[in-house]
Amino acid sequence: MSTGPDADAKITRLDALATEGRNTRSGAIDTLSATAIVSLINQEDAAVATGVGAQAESIAAAIEAIVERMRRGGRLIYIGAGTSGRLGVLDASECPPTFNTPPGLVVGLIAGGDHALRHAVENAEDSGAEGARDLHDIGVGVEDAVVGIAASGRTPYVLGAVDGARAAGALTIGLACTTDSELSRRVDIMIAPIVGPEVITGSTRLKAGTAQKMVLNMLSTGSMVLLGKTYGNLMVDLRATNTKLRQRAIGIVRDAVDTSEDRASALLAASGEEVKTAIVSGILDIEPDEARRRLARAAGIVRAALEGSSR
């Protein structure tokens, strides 16, 4: 590793962009044992939760704004390039099985299209026009919330996308791991968890990627909770599409109704595999059709359906 004034000057210059800074603690990582490498990475990762926590107010504001638009028929749209884009697509793709959302409610777009999910298409991030075009192609509008994800806060594809989203009247949210970024100057709400330089210089799939994943978890999960997709901490809109998920659905009904596994399975079957219906039916000891009516009056929120009961 280089030492002396020249090395220090290089670190200072790189640190002007937080995601490209040199990490002095990992400067000799290539001389470490596997155990020491693991320990070093783990120590660096410990800073991620703190960085995300410092953005709690902005994340909460984003969730409230997203939910407001979803209640009017809008969508949550993630858009990014490389690791940032893949994380957005991942979070979007997990919402239907977890919360039984329609596939178009949470959307993930990545520079270079689906091919870029498995293959590096690095030059795809350089076109702002492509970002705007990808949003235009899915008909972005005033009720949508668009989250531009770019660790550096300067990716042209993402900047073009948020510019296009603003022009269409959509809410714009930025997610980057650096302060005072170009992205922050173009969005309505900025989320900027600062996690420091990466263990491997510039490899933002590490701490920055972890921070982005944590924030996306909060955005989607928080939105779904406010929309009534949970009862307590139970995933009551779960769609049981395989054996594992049906067993989970039975467990959810069992715990919510405080009953046996056999009765929970029977309630679920009688309710057409609808977890919410099975819970309301089981707790209130009513027929599934009546449970569905109560849920419909309560906008699908289990607790409201139960509290609206005369029992």
Protein backbone atom coordinates (compact mmCIF):
# COMPACT_ATOMS: atom_id res chain seq x y z
CA MET A 1 0.00 0.00 0.00
CA SER A 2 1.30 3.47 -0.87
CA THR A 3 2.14 5.76 2.01
CA GLY A 4 3.12 9.38 2.50
CA PRO A 5 1.63 12.74 1.49
CA ASP A 6 0.77 11.68 -2.06
CA ALA A 7 -1.29 8.74 -0.82
CA ASP A 8 -3.11 10.99 1.66
CA ALA A 9 -3.90 13.48 -1.09
CA LYS A 10 -5.34 10.68 -3.24
CA ILE A 11 -7.60 9.55 -0.40
CA THR A 12 -8.84 13.11 0.09
CA ARG A 13 -9.66 13.56 -3.58
CA LEU A 14 -11.54 10.27 -3.81
CA ASP A 15 -13.44 11.01 -0.63
CA ALA A 16 -15.05 13.98 -2.40
CA LEU A 17 -17.51 11.31 -3.61
CA ALA A 18 -18.30 9.14 -0.61
CA THR A 19 -18.96 6.00 -2.59
CA GLU A 20 -15.55 6.17 -4.29
CA GLY A 21 -13.47 6.93 -1.20
CA ARG A 22 -10.45 4.88 -0.13
CA ASN A 23 -11.04 2.98 3.10
CA THR A 24 -7.90 3.25 5.21
CA ARG A 25 -8.95 0.26 7.34
CA SER A 26 -8.91 -2.13 4.38
CA GLY A 27 -5.80 -0.83 2.64
CA ALA A 28 -3.94 -4.11 3.25
CA ILE A 29 -6.89 -6.47 2.82
CA ASP A 30 -4.95 -8.54 0.30
CA THR A 31 -2.52 -9.56 3.06
CA LEU A 32 -5.20 -10.82 5.45
CA SER A 33 -6.43 -14.33 6.18
CA ALA A 34 -9.97 -15.34 5.27
CA THR A 35 -10.97 -15.03 8.93
CA ALA A 36 -9.53 -11.52 9.15
CA ILE A 37 -11.27 -10.50 5.91
CA VAL A 38 -14.60 -11.69 7.26
CA SER A 39 -14.02 -9.81 10.51
CA LEU A 40 -13.09 -6.62 8.67
CA ILE A 41 -16.14 -6.74 6.39
CA ASN A 42 -18.38 -7.45 9.36
CA GLN A 43 -16.98 -4.47 11.26
CA GLU A 44 -17.59 -2.23 8.25
CA ASP A 45 -21.12 -3.55 7.82
CA ALA A 46 -21.91 -2.55 11.40
CA ALA A 47 -22.01 1.08 10.22
CA VAL A 48 -24.79 0.43 7.72
CA ALA A 49 -27.71 0.25 10.15
CA THR A 50 -26.59 3.48 11.80
CA GLY A 51 -26.42 5.24 8.44
CA VAL A 52 -29.90 4.03 7.50
CA GLY A 53 -31.29 4.93 10.92
CA ALA A 54 -30.13 8.51 10.48
CA GLN A 55 -32.53 8.74 7.52
CA ALA A 56 -35.60 7.56 9.45
CA GLU A 57 -37.50 10.81 9.05
CA SER A 58 -37.02 10.92 5.28
CA ILE A 59 -37.87 7.22 4.90
CA ALA A 60 -41.08 7.67 6.91
CA ALA A 61 -42.06 10.71 4.82
CA ALA A 62 -41.49 8.67 1.67
CA ILE A 63 -43.66 5.81 2.96
CA GLU A 64 -46.53 8.15 3.79
CA ALA A 65 -46.31 9.80 0.37
CA ILE A 66 -46.18 6.44 -1.42
CA VAL A 67 -49.23 5.13 0.46
CA GLU A 68 -51.18 8.31 -0.26
CA ARG A 69 -50.66 7.72 -3.97
CA MET A 70 -51.30 3.98 -3.83
CA ARG A 71 -54.67 4.65 -2.21
CA ARG A 72 -55.52 6.73 -5.28
CA GLY A 73 -54.47 3.93 -7.63
CA GLY A 74 -50.81 4.86 -8.07
CA ARG A 75 -47.74 2.65 -8.18
CA LEU A 76 -44.37 2.42 -6.49
CA ILE A 77 -41.70 2.37 -9.19
CA TYR A 78 -38.03 1.65 -8.53
CA ILE A 79 -35.47 2.53 -11.19
CA GLY A 80 -31.71 2.14 -11.15
CA ALA A 81 -28.66 0.73 -12.90
CA GLY A 82 -26.36 -2.16 -11.96
CA THR A 83 -26.59 -3.26 -8.34
CA SER A 84 -29.04 -0.45 -7.55
CA GLY A 85 -31.37 -1.54 -10.33
CA ARG A 86 -31.16 -5.21 -9.36
CA LEU A 87 -32.06 -4.41 -5.76
CA GLY A 88 -35.11 -2.46 -6.92
CA VAL A 89 -36.25 -5.31 -9.15
CA LEU A 90 -35.70 -7.77 -6.28
CA ASP A 91 -37.80 -5.77 -3.84
CA ALA A 92 -40.58 -5.29 -6.39
CA SER A 93 -40.64 -8.97 -7.35
CA GLU A 94 -41.06 -10.05 -3.73
CA CYS A 95 -44.16 -7.94 -3.06
CA PRO A 96 -46.72 -10.15 -4.90
CA PRO A 97 -45.93 -13.40 -3.04
CA THR A 98 -45.45 -11.65 0.31
CA PHE A 99 -48.35 -9.20 0.25
CA ASN A 100 -50.54 -10.52 -2.59
CA THR A 101 -50.11 -7.28 -4.50
CA PRO A 102 -50.99 -7.18 -8.20
CA PRO A 103 -47.79 -7.46 -10.27
CA GLY A 104 -48.05 -3.87 -11.50
CA LEU A 105 -48.38 -2.20 -8.10
CA VAL A 106 -44.64 -2.27 -7.30
CA VAL A 107 -42.44 -2.09 -10.38
CA GLY A 108 -38.69 -2.50 -10.76
CA LEU A 109 -36.84 -1.10 -13.78
CA ILE A 110 -33.15 -1.59 -14.51
CA ALA A 111 -30.92 0.04 -17.11
CA GLY A 112 -30.40 -2.46 -19.92
CA GLY A 113 -33.63 -4.32 -19.21
CA ASP A 114 -34.05 -7.84 -17.85
CA HIS A 115 -30.80 -8.98 -19.48
CA ALA A 116 -28.97 -6.70 -17.04
CA LEU A 117 -30.29 -8.67 -14.07
CA ARG A 118 -27.80 -11.47 -14.77
CA HIS A 119 -25.24 -9.75 -16.97
CA ALA A 120 -23.22 -6.56 -16.61
CA VAL A 121 -24.47 -3.93 -19.04
CA GLU A 122 -22.39 -1.12 -17.63
CA ASN A 123 -22.80 1.35 -20.50
CA ALA A 124 -26.59 1.24 -20.10
CA GLU A 125 -26.37 3.59 -17.12
CA ASP A 126 -24.85 6.40 -19.17
CA SER A 127 -28.03 7.49 -20.96
CA GLY A 128 -30.44 9.81 -19.21
CA ALA A 129 -32.75 9.59 -22.20
CA GLU A 130 -33.05 5.83 -21.70
CA GLY A 131 -34.12 6.32 -18.10
CA ALA A 132 -36.82 8.77 -19.09
CA ARG A 133 -37.91 6.50 -21.95
CA ASP A 134 -38.21 3.42 -19.72
CA LEU A 135 -40.55 5.32 -17.39
CA HIS A 136 -42.51 6.75 -20.30
CA ASP A 137 -42.98 3.24 -21.69
CA ILE A 138 -44.83 2.13 -18.55
CA GLY A 139 -46.99 5.24 -18.55
CA VAL A 140 -45.68 6.99 -15.44
CA GLY A 141 -48.21 9.50 -14.17
CA VAL A 142 -49.22 11.88 -11.42
CA GLU A 143 -50.35 9.20 -8.97
CA ASP A 144 -47.08 7.24 -9.17
CA ALA A 145 -44.13 7.40 -6.79
CA VAL A 146 -40.76 6.93 -8.48
CA VAL A 147 -37.67 5.96 -6.46
CA GLY A 148 -34.44 6.69 -8.29
CA ILE A 149 -31.68 4.48 -6.86
CA ALA A 150 -28.04 5.40 -7.46
CA ALA A 151 -25.33 4.83 -4.86
CA SER A 152 -23.29 7.75 -6.20
CA GLY A 153 -26.31 9.99 -6.74
CA ARG A 154 -25.06 10.91 -10.20
CA THR A 155 -25.96 8.00 -12.54
CA PRO A 156 -27.24 9.59 -15.81
CA TYR A 157 -29.87 6.86 -16.37
CA VAL A 158 -31.41 7.56 -12.95
CA LEU A 159 -31.16 11.34 -13.26
CA GLY A 160 -32.94 11.18 -16.61
CA ALA A 161 -35.60 8.95 -15.09
CA VAL A 162 -36.39 11.28 -12.18
CA ASP A 163 -36.45 14.25 -14.53
CA GLY A 164 -38.98 12.40 -16.67
CA ALA A 165 -40.99 11.43 -13.62
CA ARG A 166 -41.15 15.04 -12.41
CA ALA A 167 -42.23 16.19 -15.86
CA ALA A 168 -45.07 13.64 -15.68
CA GLY A 169 -46.12 14.98 -12.27
CA ALA A 170 -45.07 11.89 -10.31
CA LEU A 171 -43.64 12.00 -6.80
CA THR A 172 -39.86 11.58 -6.96
CA ILE A 173 -37.73 9.98 -4.24
CA GLY A 174 -33.97 9.66 -4.38
CA LEU A 175 -31.86 6.96 -2.73
CA ALA A 176 -28.10 7.47 -2.71
CA CYS A 177 -25.20 6.96 -0.30
CA THR A 178 -23.61 10.36 -0.61
CA THR A 179 -24.55 13.84 0.53
CA ASP A 180 -25.42 16.84 -1.65
CA SER A 181 -25.65 14.70 -4.77
CA GLU A 182 -27.01 15.69 -8.14
CA LEU A 183 -29.90 13.32 -7.46
CA SER A 184 -30.76 15.13 -4.22
CA ARG A 185 -31.27 18.36 -6.16
CA ARG A 186 -33.82 16.76 -8.51
CA VAL A 187 -36.20 14.89 -6.21
CA ASP A 188 -39.02 15.70 -3.81
CA ILE A 189 -37.72 13.46 -1.01
CA MET A 190 -34.09 12.44 -0.59
CA ILE A 191 -32.88 9.42 1.38
CA ALA A 192 -29.11 9.41 1.82
CA PRO A 193 -27.69 6.81 4.23
CA ILE A 194 -23.99 7.55 4.59
CA VAL A 195 -22.03 4.35 5.18
CA GLY A 196 -18.48 5.44 4.39
CA PRO A 197 -16.02 4.09 1.81
CA GLU A 198 -16.26 0.46 0.76
CA VAL A 199 -13.88 -2.30 1.85
CA ILE A 200 -13.05 -2.67 -1.84
CA THR A 201 -12.81 0.84 -3.27
CA GLY A 202 -15.88 1.77 -5.30
CA SER A 203 -17.57 -1.64 -4.96
CA THR A 204 -20.97 -0.27 -4.01
CA ARG A 205 -22.58 -3.72 -4.03
CA LEU A 206 -21.14 -3.92 -0.50
CA LYS A 207 -22.12 -1.39 2.21
CA ALA A 208 -23.99 0.92 -0.14
CA GLY A 209 -25.92 -2.00 -1.60
CA THR A 210 -26.76 -3.29 1.86
CA ALA A 211 -27.99 0.16 2.89
CA GLN A 212 -30.10 0.44 -0.25
CA LYS A 213 -31.65 -2.98 0.37
CA MET A 214 -32.49 -1.99 3.96
CA VAL A 215 -34.18 1.21 2.80
CA LEU A 216 -36.14 -0.59 0.08
CA ASN A 217 -37.28 -3.14 2.66
CA MET A 218 -38.60 -0.26 4.76
CA LEU A 219 -40.30 1.51 1.86
CA SER A 220 -42.20 -1.54 0.63
CA THR A 221 -42.90 -3.12 4.01
CA GLY A 222 -43.92 0.15 5.66
CA SER A 223 -46.23 0.94 2.75
CA MET A 224 -47.86 -2.48 2.88
CA VAL A 225 -48.37 -2.29 6.64
CA LEU A 226 -50.12 1.08 6.30
CA LEU A 227 -52.25 -0.37 3.50
CA GLY A 228 -53.46 -3.13 5.83
CA LYS A 229 -51.47 -5.99 4.38
CA THR A 230 -50.59 -7.27 7.86
CA TYR A 231 -52.49 -8.10 11.06
CA GLY A 232 -50.05 -7.41 13.83
CA ASN A 233 -46.84 -8.71 12.34
CA LEU A 234 -48.53 -11.50 10.38
CA MET A 235 -48.51 -11.48 6.56
CA VAL A 236 -52.26 -11.86 6.16
CA ASP A 237 -52.27 -11.13 2.43
CA LEU A 238 -49.85 -13.98 1.80
CA ARG A 239 -50.55 -15.89 -1.40
CA ALA A 240 -49.98 -19.60 -0.80
CA THR A 241 -48.51 -20.57 -4.17
CA ASN A 242 -46.51 -23.58 -3.00
CA THR A 243 -46.34 -26.12 -0.18
CA LYS A 244 -44.03 -24.00 1.97
CA LEU A 245 -46.23 -20.94 1.68
CA ARG A 246 -49.43 -22.90 2.42
CA GLN A 247 -47.83 -24.20 5.60
CA ARG A 248 -46.92 -20.64 6.47
CA ALA A 249 -50.50 -19.55 5.74
CA ILE A 250 -51.83 -22.25 8.08
CA GLY A 251 -49.42 -21.04 10.76
CA ILE A 252 -50.57 -17.45 10.30
CA VAL A 253 -54.23 -18.41 10.68
CA ARG A 254 -53.40 -20.63 13.67
CA ASP A 255 -51.57 -17.82 15.46
CA ALA A 256 -54.07 -15.08 14.60
CA VAL A 257 -57.11 -17.13 15.62
CA ASP A 258 -55.27 -18.85 18.49
CA THR A 259 -56.47 -22.25 17.42
CA SER A 260 -55.13 -25.66 16.44
CA GLU A 261 -53.27 -26.31 13.21
CA ASP A 262 -56.02 -28.66 12.02
CA ARG A 263 -58.73 -26.04 12.54
CA ALA A 264 -56.56 -23.39 10.93
CA SER A 265 -56.14 -25.62 7.87
CA ALA A 266 -59.89 -26.21 7.73
CA LEU A 267 -60.65 -22.49 8.05
CA LEU A 268 -58.21 -21.73 5.25
CA ALA A 269 -59.73 -24.37 2.98
CA ALA A 270 -63.28 -23.17 3.67
CA SER A 271 -62.18 -19.61 2.90
CA GLY A 272 -60.80 -20.42 -0.52
CA GLU A 273 -57.22 -20.17 0.77
CA GLU A 274 -57.80 -16.50 1.65
CA VAL A 275 -55.83 -15.87 4.83
CA LYS A 276 -57.67 -12.69 5.84
CA THR A 277 -61.05 -14.32 5.33
CA ALA A 278 -60.01 -17.36 7.36
CA ILE A 279 -58.82 -15.16 10.24
CA VAL A 280 -61.97 -13.04 10.43
CA SER A 281 -64.14 -16.13 10.01
CA GLY A 282 -62.26 -17.98 12.74
CA ILE A 283 -62.07 -15.16 15.30
CA LEU A 284 -65.71 -14.10 14.90
CA ASP A 285 -67.01 -17.63 14.24
CA ILE A 286 -68.85 -16.53 11.12
CA GLU A 287 -69.18 -17.91 7.60
CA PRO A 288 -66.48 -16.99 5.07
CA ASP A 289 -68.95 -14.98 2.96
CA GLU A 290 -69.80 -12.80 5.96
CA ALA A 291 -66.10 -12.44 6.74
CA ARG A 292 -65.51 -11.23 3.18
CA ARG A 293 -68.30 -8.66 3.51
CA ARG A 294 -66.81 -7.34 6.72
CA LEU A 295 -63.40 -7.12 5.11
CA ALA A 296 -64.83 -5.30 2.10
CA ARG A 297 -66.45 -2.70 4.37
CA ALA A 298 -63.13 -2.32 6.21
CA ALA A 299 -61.10 -1.81 3.00
CA GLY A 300 -59.47 -5.19 3.52
CA ILE A 301 -57.96 -4.31 6.91
CA VAL A 302 -58.34 -7.25 9.30
CA ARG A 303 -58.18 -5.26 12.52
CA ALA A 304 -60.82 -2.83 11.28
CA ALA A 305 -63.04 -5.72 10.20
CA LEU A 306 -62.77 -7.24 13.66
CA GLU A 307 -63.24 -3.97 15.53
CA GLY A 308 -66.29 -3.19 13.40
CA SER A 309 -67.94 -6.34 14.65
CA SER A 310 -70.80 -6.13 17.13
CA ARG A 311 -69.18 -8.92 19.12
